[in-house]
Amino acid sequence: MNRFEEEVYHCTDVISDLLERTENPLHKAILKNYRRHIHLEGAGLFEDIIAPDMMTEEPLYRINWGEPSVIRGKQGVVDFYKSVKEAVMWNTDDKIAVADWGLCDELTFNFLVTGIDLVALGVDVEDKDAIYHYQTRQAFVWPYDERARLIGEHLYVDATSVHVEKVHPNDVITPSRAREIHLEILKTLDE
């Protein structure tokens, strides 16, 4: 197992650890929804993310990646996730707080992407055909309702924290391998 596979396998450990220390039933339900959401997204199961037990009927996303955008409605959410294409994504270094209104997570967001994709985002790279590890610090503010269903996502990127590193071919994991990992983890989660 390479370093990126290891990180994907453990990307929600911090949530699991917080769940063990959390007593409030609503807070536990919010954390379980959040953890499940991360793995559903990584597995490409976008329709499950917008299921009635996971998300409210009219979600609102405010995304500050590249060109800021507002996404409304469940179909908009699915289209947004599909637009990310074949990038491998995961979180590290999370600092999570949960409350009755939802949660906030300051984290390092990680992508494995091609040089071509980075150039399209305006990032200079030495080899357009190589795979790169692209990282930024981000803040996720996710409001939830009283039934622990996601109301929306507010994602804020710290553009001053961008770090890009060319990845050795032995460390590359494919989107299909990342999906396998997320599916494996989803089978172990309690609902």
C-alpha atoms as a PDB file:
ATOM      1  CA  MET A   1       0.000   0.000   0.000  1.00  0.00           C
ATOM      2  CA  ASN A   2       1.447   3.385  -0.940  1.00  0.00           C
ATOM      3  CA  ARG A   3       1.244   6.612   1.073  1.00  0.00           C
ATOM      4  CA  PHE A   4      -1.797   7.980  -0.750  1.00  0.00           C
ATOM      5  CA  GLU A   5      -3.790   4.755  -0.386  1.00  0.00           C
ATOM      6  CA  GLU A   6      -2.990   4.880   3.329  1.00  0.00           C
ATOM      7  CA  GLU A   7      -4.247   8.465   3.585  1.00  0.00           C
ATOM      8  CA  VAL A   8      -7.476   7.667   1.727  1.00  0.00           C
ATOM      9  CA  TYR A   9      -8.087   4.696   4.025  1.00  0.00           C
ATOM     10  CA  HIS A  10      -7.700   6.945   7.070  1.00  0.00           C
ATOM     11  CA  CYS A  11      -9.273  10.179   5.813  1.00  0.00           C
ATOM     12  CA  THR A  12     -12.254   9.928   8.186  1.00  0.00           C
ATOM     13  CA  ASP A  13     -10.500   8.502  11.252  1.00  0.00           C
ATOM     14  CA  VAL A  14     -10.702  11.900  12.940  1.00  0.00           C
ATOM     15  CA  ILE A  15     -14.496  11.818  12.515  1.00  0.00           C
ATOM     16  CA  SER A  16     -14.677   8.308  13.964  1.00  0.00           C
ATOM     17  CA  ASP A  17     -12.554   9.423  16.924  1.00  0.00           C
ATOM     18  CA  LEU A  18     -14.832  12.413  17.547  1.00  0.00           C
ATOM     19  CA  LEU A  19     -17.892  10.157  17.302  1.00  0.00           C
ATOM     20  CA  GLU A  20     -16.524   8.047  20.165  1.00  0.00           C
ATOM     21  CA  ARG A  21     -16.293  11.160  22.375  1.00  0.00           C
ATOM     22  CA  THR A  22     -19.641  12.671  21.349  1.00  0.00           C
ATOM     23  CA  GLU A  23     -22.723  12.031  23.459  1.00  0.00           C
ATOM     24  CA  ASN A  24     -25.345  14.328  21.918  1.00  0.00           C
ATOM     25  CA  PRO A  25     -27.508  12.168  19.576  1.00  0.00           C
ATOM     26  CA  LEU A  26     -27.982  14.953  16.993  1.00  0.00           C
ATOM     27  CA  HIS A  27     -24.255  15.674  16.909  1.00  0.00           C
ATOM     28  CA  LYS A  28     -23.498  11.957  16.488  1.00  0.00           C
ATOM     29  CA  ALA A  29     -25.998  11.753  13.625  1.00  0.00           C
ATOM     30  CA  ILE A  30     -24.442  14.801  11.925  1.00  0.00           C
ATOM     31  CA  LEU A  31     -20.953  13.295  12.208  1.00  0.00           C
ATOM     32  CA  LYS A  32     -22.161   9.962  10.818  1.00  0.00           C
ATOM     33  CA  ASN A  33     -23.809  11.754   7.887  1.00  0.00           C
ATOM     34  CA  TYR A  34     -20.601  13.723   7.236  1.00  0.00           C
ATOM     35  CA  ARG A  35     -18.389  10.621   7.347  1.00  0.00           C
ATOM     36  CA  ARG A  36     -20.768   8.696   5.087  1.00  0.00           C
ATOM     37  CA  HIS A  37     -20.974  11.660   2.681  1.00  0.00           C
ATOM     38  CA  ILE A  38     -17.189  11.733   2.289  1.00  0.00           C
ATOM     39  CA  HIS A  39     -17.055   8.042   1.400  1.00  0.00           C
ATOM     40  CA  LEU A  40     -20.106   8.187  -0.893  1.00  0.00           C
ATOM     41  CA  GLU A  41     -18.492  11.092  -2.739  1.00  0.00           C
ATOM     42  CA  GLY A  42     -15.175   9.236  -3.021  1.00  0.00           C
ATOM     43  CA  ALA A  43     -17.013   6.171  -4.334  1.00  0.00           C
ATOM     44  CA  GLY A  44     -18.887   8.241  -6.928  1.00  0.00           C
ATOM     45  CA  LEU A  45     -22.276   7.377  -5.401  1.00  0.00           C
ATOM     46  CA  PHE A  46     -23.691  10.861  -5.834  1.00  0.00           C
ATOM     47  CA  GLU A  47     -27.349   9.811  -5.905  1.00  0.00           C
ATOM     48  CA  ASP A  48     -26.909   8.315  -2.420  1.00  0.00           C
ATOM     49  CA  ILE A  49     -25.541  11.648  -1.152  1.00  0.00           C
ATOM     50  CA  ILE A  50     -28.782  13.413  -2.147  1.00  0.00           C
ATOM     51  CA  ALA A  51     -31.050  10.703  -0.674  1.00  0.00           C
ATOM     52  CA  PRO A  52     -33.881  12.038   1.538  1.00  0.00           C
ATOM     53  CA  ASP A  53     -32.212  10.717   4.721  1.00  0.00           C
ATOM     54  CA  MET A  54     -28.896  12.417   3.837  1.00  0.00           C
ATOM     55  CA  MET A  55     -29.856  15.819   2.415  1.00  0.00           C
ATOM     56  CA  THR A  56     -32.719  18.323   2.587  1.00  0.00           C
ATOM     57  CA  GLU A  57     -34.911  18.884  -0.461  1.00  0.00           C
ATOM     58  CA  GLU A  58     -33.342  22.209  -1.534  1.00  0.00           C
ATOM     59  CA  PRO A  59     -29.623  22.173  -0.695  1.00  0.00           C
ATOM     60  CA  LEU A  60     -27.523  25.290  -1.240  1.00  0.00           C
ATOM     61  CA  TYR A  61     -23.770  25.055  -1.867  1.00  0.00           C
ATOM     62  CA  ARG A  62     -21.436  28.052  -1.817  1.00  0.00           C
ATOM     63  CA  ILE A  63     -18.148  27.028  -3.378  1.00  0.00           C
ATOM     64  CA  ASN A  64     -15.028  29.170  -3.307  1.00  0.00           C
ATOM     65  CA  TRP A  65     -12.830  26.990  -5.574  1.00  0.00           C
ATOM     66  CA  GLY A  66     -11.454  28.908  -8.541  1.00  0.00           C
ATOM     67  CA  GLU A  67     -14.405  30.971  -9.701  1.00  0.00           C
ATOM     68  CA  PRO A  68     -16.822  31.273  -6.734  1.00  0.00           C
ATOM     69  CA  SER A  69     -20.200  29.698  -7.421  1.00  0.00           C
ATOM     70  CA  VAL A  70     -23.572  28.970  -5.878  1.00  0.00           C
ATOM     71  CA  ILE A  71     -25.206  25.599  -6.492  1.00  0.00           C
ATOM     72  CA  ARG A  72     -28.900  25.103  -5.790  1.00  0.00           C
ATOM     73  CA  GLY A  73     -30.948  21.933  -5.655  1.00  0.00           C
ATOM     74  CA  LYS A  74     -30.123  18.254  -5.675  1.00  0.00           C
ATOM     75  CA  GLN A  75     -29.518  18.030  -9.422  1.00  0.00           C
ATOM     76  CA  GLY A  76     -27.083  20.933  -9.162  1.00  0.00           C
ATOM     77  CA  VAL A  77     -25.253  19.067  -6.395  1.00  0.00           C
ATOM     78  CA  VAL A  78     -24.972  15.889  -8.489  1.00  0.00           C
ATOM     79  CA  ASP A  79     -23.768  17.916 -11.491  1.00  0.00           C
ATOM     80  CA  PHE A  80     -21.163  19.629  -9.296  1.00  0.00           C
ATOM     81  CA  TYR A  81     -19.762  16.307  -8.069  1.00  0.00           C
ATOM     82  CA  LYS A  82     -19.688  14.907 -11.586  1.00  0.00           C
ATOM     83  CA  SER A  83     -17.762  17.987 -12.786  1.00  0.00           C
ATOM     84  CA  VAL A  84     -14.775  17.064 -10.624  1.00  0.00           C
ATOM     85  CA  LYS A  85     -14.046  14.332 -13.184  1.00  0.00           C
ATOM     86  CA  GLU A  86     -11.546  11.639 -12.352  1.00  0.00           C
ATOM     87  CA  ALA A  87      -9.539  13.308  -9.596  1.00  0.00           C
ATOM     88  CA  VAL A  88      -8.649  11.353  -6.468  1.00  0.00           C
ATOM     89  CA  MET A  89      -9.591  13.497  -3.438  1.00  0.00           C
ATOM     90  CA  TRP A  90      -9.308  13.132   0.330  1.00  0.00           C
ATOM     91  CA  ASN A  91      -8.971  15.146   3.548  1.00  0.00           C
ATOM     92  CA  THR A  92      -6.135  15.227   6.077  1.00  0.00           C
ATOM     93  CA  ASP A  93      -5.259  17.292   9.149  1.00  0.00           C
ATOM     94  CA  ASP A  94      -8.926  17.896  10.045  1.00  0.00           C
ATOM     95  CA  LYS A  95     -10.008  20.047  12.980  1.00  0.00           C
ATOM     96  CA  ILE A  96     -13.759  19.448  13.391  1.00  0.00           C
ATOM     97  CA  ALA A  97     -16.371  21.115  15.590  1.00  0.00           C
ATOM     98  CA  VAL A  98     -19.985  19.948  15.667  1.00  0.00           C
ATOM     99  CA  ALA A  99     -23.032  21.778  17.050  1.00  0.00           C
ATOM    100  CA  ASP A 100     -26.811  21.664  16.739  1.00  0.00           C
ATOM    101  CA  TRP A 101     -26.644  23.799  13.569  1.00  0.00           C
ATOM    102  CA  GLY A 102     -24.058  21.595  11.798  1.00  0.00           C
ATOM    103  CA  LEU A 103     -20.298  21.321  11.640  1.00  0.00           C
ATOM    104  CA  CYS A 104     -17.143  23.119  10.649  1.00  0.00           C
ATOM    105  CA  ASP A 105     -14.014  21.336   9.501  1.00  0.00           C
ATOM    106  CA  GLU A 106     -10.706  23.060   8.790  1.00  0.00           C
ATOM    107  CA  LEU A 107      -8.644  20.601   6.796  1.00  0.00           C
ATOM    108  CA  THR A 108      -6.073  19.983   4.138  1.00  0.00           C
ATOM    109  CA  PHE A 109      -7.857  19.022   0.937  1.00  0.00           C
ATOM    110  CA  ASN A 110      -5.778  16.734  -1.270  1.00  0.00           C
ATOM    111  CA  PHE A 111      -6.112  15.965  -4.984  1.00  0.00           C
ATOM    112  CA  LEU A 112      -4.175  13.666  -7.268  1.00  0.00           C
ATOM    113  CA  VAL A 113      -4.619  15.240 -10.691  1.00  0.00           C
ATOM    114  CA  THR A 114      -2.922  15.388 -14.054  1.00  0.00           C
ATOM    115  CA  GLY A 115      -0.695  18.253 -15.061  1.00  0.00           C
ATOM    116  CA  ILE A 116      -3.178  18.970 -17.872  1.00  0.00           C
ATOM    117  CA  ASP A 117      -5.958  19.503 -15.316  1.00  0.00           C
ATOM    118  CA  LEU A 118      -3.741  21.784 -13.236  1.00  0.00           C
ATOM    119  CA  VAL A 119      -2.795  23.871 -16.275  1.00  0.00           C
ATOM    120  CA  ALA A 120      -6.531  24.253 -16.992  1.00  0.00           C
ATOM    121  CA  LEU A 121      -6.856  25.638 -13.446  1.00  0.00           C
ATOM    122  CA  GLY A 122      -4.050  28.127 -14.095  1.00  0.00           C
ATOM    123  CA  VAL A 123      -1.305  26.235 -12.235  1.00  0.00           C
ATOM    124  CA  ASP A 124       2.103  26.058 -13.913  1.00  0.00           C
ATOM    125  CA  VAL A 125       3.598  22.560 -13.977  1.00  0.00           C
ATOM    126  CA  GLU A 126       6.787  21.155 -15.491  1.00  0.00           C
ATOM    127  CA  ASP A 127       5.177  18.044 -17.017  1.00  0.00           C
ATOM    128  CA  LYS A 128       1.591  18.158 -18.251  1.00  0.00           C
ATOM    129  CA  ASP A 129       1.466  14.361 -18.541  1.00  0.00           C
ATOM    130  CA  ALA A 130       2.548  13.705 -14.951  1.00  0.00           C
ATOM    131  CA  ILE A 131       0.341  13.209 -11.898  1.00  0.00           C
ATOM    132  CA  TYR A 132       0.532  15.858  -9.163  1.00  0.00           C
ATOM    133  CA  HIS A 133      -0.455  16.049  -5.519  1.00  0.00           C
ATOM    134  CA  TYR A 134      -2.298  19.350  -5.108  1.00  0.00           C
ATOM    135  CA  GLN A 135      -3.085  20.511  -1.561  1.00  0.00           C
ATOM    136  CA  THR A 136      -4.819  23.501   0.008  1.00  0.00           C
ATOM    137  CA  ARG A 137      -6.072  24.345   3.471  1.00  0.00           C
ATOM    138  CA  GLN A 138      -9.845  24.748   3.399  1.00  0.00           C
ATOM    139  CA  ALA A 139     -12.715  25.437   5.746  1.00  0.00           C
ATOM    140  CA  PHE A 140     -15.935  23.502   5.329  1.00  0.00           C
ATOM    141  CA  VAL A 141     -19.023  24.938   7.004  1.00  0.00           C
ATOM    142  CA  TRP A 142     -21.880  22.466   6.604  1.00  0.00           C
ATOM    143  CA  PRO A 143     -25.291  23.329   8.045  1.00  0.00           C
ATOM    144  CA  TYR A 144     -27.604  20.429   8.953  1.00  0.00           C
ATOM    145  CA  ASP A 145     -31.268  20.311   9.913  1.00  0.00           C
ATOM    146  CA  GLU A 146     -32.826  18.878  13.086  1.00  0.00           C
ATOM    147  CA  ARG A 147     -32.903  15.426  11.415  1.00  0.00           C
ATOM    148  CA  ALA A 148     -29.128  15.538  10.728  1.00  0.00           C
ATOM    149  CA  ARG A 149     -29.672  16.049   6.993  1.00  0.00           C
ATOM    150  CA  LEU A 150     -27.249  18.235   5.073  1.00  0.00           C
ATOM    151  CA  ILE A 151     -28.666  21.655   4.158  1.00  0.00           C
ATOM    152  CA  GLY A 152     -25.648  22.711   2.117  1.00  0.00           C
ATOM    153  CA  GLU A 153     -21.931  23.200   1.938  1.00  0.00           C
ATOM    154  CA  HIS A 154     -19.944  26.391   2.267  1.00  0.00           C
ATOM    155  CA  LEU A 155     -16.385  25.702   1.119  1.00  0.00           C
ATOM    156  CA  TYR A 156     -13.636  28.271   1.586  1.00  0.00           C
ATOM    157  CA  VAL A 157     -10.139  27.810   0.159  1.00  0.00           C
ATOM    158  CA  ASP A 158      -7.010  29.386   1.595  1.00  0.00           C
ATOM    159  CA  ALA A 159      -5.324  30.247  -1.713  1.00  0.00           C
ATOM    160  CA  THR A 160      -2.119  31.152   0.144  1.00  0.00           C
ATOM    161  CA  SER A 161      -1.671  27.527   1.225  1.00  0.00           C
ATOM    162  CA  VAL A 162      -1.442  25.860  -2.204  1.00  0.00           C
ATOM    163  CA  HIS A 163       1.225  23.179  -2.403  1.00  0.00           C
ATOM    164  CA  VAL A 164       1.895  21.213  -5.605  1.00  0.00           C
ATOM    165  CA  GLU A 165       4.246  18.255  -5.861  1.00  0.00           C
ATOM    166  CA  LYS A 166       4.929  15.880  -8.737  1.00  0.00           C
ATOM    167  CA  VAL A 167       4.077  12.311  -7.712  1.00  0.00           C
ATOM    168  CA  HIS A 168       6.346   9.345  -8.300  1.00  0.00           C
ATOM    169  CA  PRO A 169       4.517   6.783 -10.492  1.00  0.00           C
ATOM    170  CA  ASN A 170       4.740   4.187  -7.677  1.00  0.00           C
ATOM    171  CA  ASP A 171       2.665   6.469  -5.437  1.00  0.00           C
ATOM    172  CA  VAL A 172      -0.128   7.148  -7.921  1.00  0.00           C
ATOM    173  CA  ILE A 173      -3.498   5.652  -7.152  1.00  0.00           C
ATOM    174  CA  THR A 174      -6.182   5.624  -9.782  1.00  0.00           C
ATOM    175  CA  PRO A 175      -9.703   6.961  -9.333  1.00  0.00           C
ATOM    176  CA  SER A 176     -10.969   3.373  -9.587  1.00  0.00           C
ATOM    177  CA  ARG A 177      -8.644   2.283  -6.750  1.00  0.00           C
ATOM    178  CA  ALA A 178      -9.815   5.223  -4.614  1.00  0.00           C
ATOM    179  CA  ARG A 179     -13.454   4.206  -5.293  1.00  0.00           C
ATOM    180  CA  GLU A 180     -12.636   0.641  -4.170  1.00  0.00           C
ATOM    181  CA  ILE A 181     -11.215   1.963  -0.894  1.00  0.00           C
ATOM    182  CA  HIS A 182     -14.270   4.149  -0.226  1.00  0.00           C
ATOM    183  CA  LEU A 183     -16.655   1.294  -1.050  1.00  0.00           C
ATOM    184  CA  GLU A 184     -14.733  -0.998   1.297  1.00  0.00           C
ATOM    185  CA  ILE A 185     -15.031   1.552   4.118  1.00  0.00           C
ATOM    186  CA  LEU A 186     -18.729   2.181   3.426  1.00  0.00           C
ATOM    187  CA  LYS A 187     -19.413  -1.519   4.088  1.00  0.00           C
ATOM    188  CA  THR A 188     -17.977  -1.128   7.604  1.00  0.00           C
ATOM    189  CA  LEU A 189     -19.944   1.957   8.644  1.00  0.00           C
ATOM    190  CA  ASP A 190     -22.962   1.772  10.893  1.00  0.00           C
ATOM    191  CA  GLU A 191     -25.896   3.703   9.515  1.00  0.00           C
END
